[in-house]
Amino acid sequence: MKKTKTHTGLLIIKDKTRRVSLYETPTAWCIRGQECYSKSTGRRCGSHDSL
């Protein structure tokens, strides 16, 4: 089942910024299944299950 993306955010990478659609899990913000960012640190993590 596909997750519904309910939020938007700015992803800042080196020299550019892009707006992305996100969905929320209890511990992370996710863009795709393998691209998630920790809510507590803001750093990229493997998946929302790995925290």
Protein backbone atom coordinates (compact mmCIF):
# COMPACT_ATOMS: atom_id res chain seq x y z
CA MET A 1 0.00 0.00 0.00
CA LYS A 2 1.37 3.41 -0.96
CA LYS A 3 1.88 5.93 1.85
CA THR A 4 0.06 9.24 1.52
CA LYS A 5 2.44 12.20 1.56
CA THR A 6 0.92 14.76 3.87
CA HIS A 7 3.64 17.38 4.36
CA THR A 8 6.12 19.40 2.31
CA GLY A 9 9.63 20.39 3.32
CA LEU A 10 12.85 21.91 2.03
CA LEU A 11 15.73 19.53 1.46
CA ILE A 12 19.09 21.34 1.48
CA ILE A 13 21.93 19.57 -0.32
CA LYS A 14 25.37 21.22 -0.70
CA ASP A 15 24.64 24.01 -3.18
CA LYS A 16 20.93 23.60 -3.93
CA THR A 17 17.57 23.48 -2.21
CA ARG A 18 14.53 21.53 -3.37
CA ARG A 19 10.97 21.23 -2.11
CA VAL A 20 9.87 17.64 -1.44
CA SER A 21 6.69 15.87 -0.35
CA LEU A 22 7.04 13.94 2.92
CA TYR A 23 5.17 11.48 5.06
CA GLU A 24 5.58 11.18 8.81
CA THR A 25 6.40 8.14 10.92
CA PRO A 26 6.80 8.13 14.72
CA THR A 27 10.59 8.61 14.48
CA ALA A 28 11.33 10.02 11.00
CA TRP A 29 10.26 12.10 8.02
CA CYS A 30 10.35 10.02 4.82
CA ILE A 31 10.60 11.00 1.17
CA ARG A 32 10.83 7.48 -0.22
CA GLY A 33 11.09 4.10 1.44
CA GLN A 34 14.88 4.32 1.57
CA GLU A 35 15.31 8.05 2.15
CA CYS A 36 14.29 9.05 5.66
CA TYR A 37 15.47 11.78 8.03
CA SER A 38 15.48 11.43 11.82
CA LYS A 39 13.12 13.78 13.66
CA SER A 40 15.48 14.17 16.62
CA THR A 41 18.74 14.85 14.75
CA GLY A 42 17.69 15.81 11.22
CA ARG A 43 20.27 13.43 9.79
CA ARG A 44 19.54 10.92 7.08
CA CYS A 45 18.90 7.37 8.26
CA GLY A 46 18.48 4.15 6.30
CA SER A 47 14.77 3.74 6.97
CA HIS A 48 12.28 4.74 9.61
CA ASP A 49 12.54 1.23 11.11
CA SER A 50 16.30 1.55 11.71
CA LEU A 51 15.99 4.19 14.45
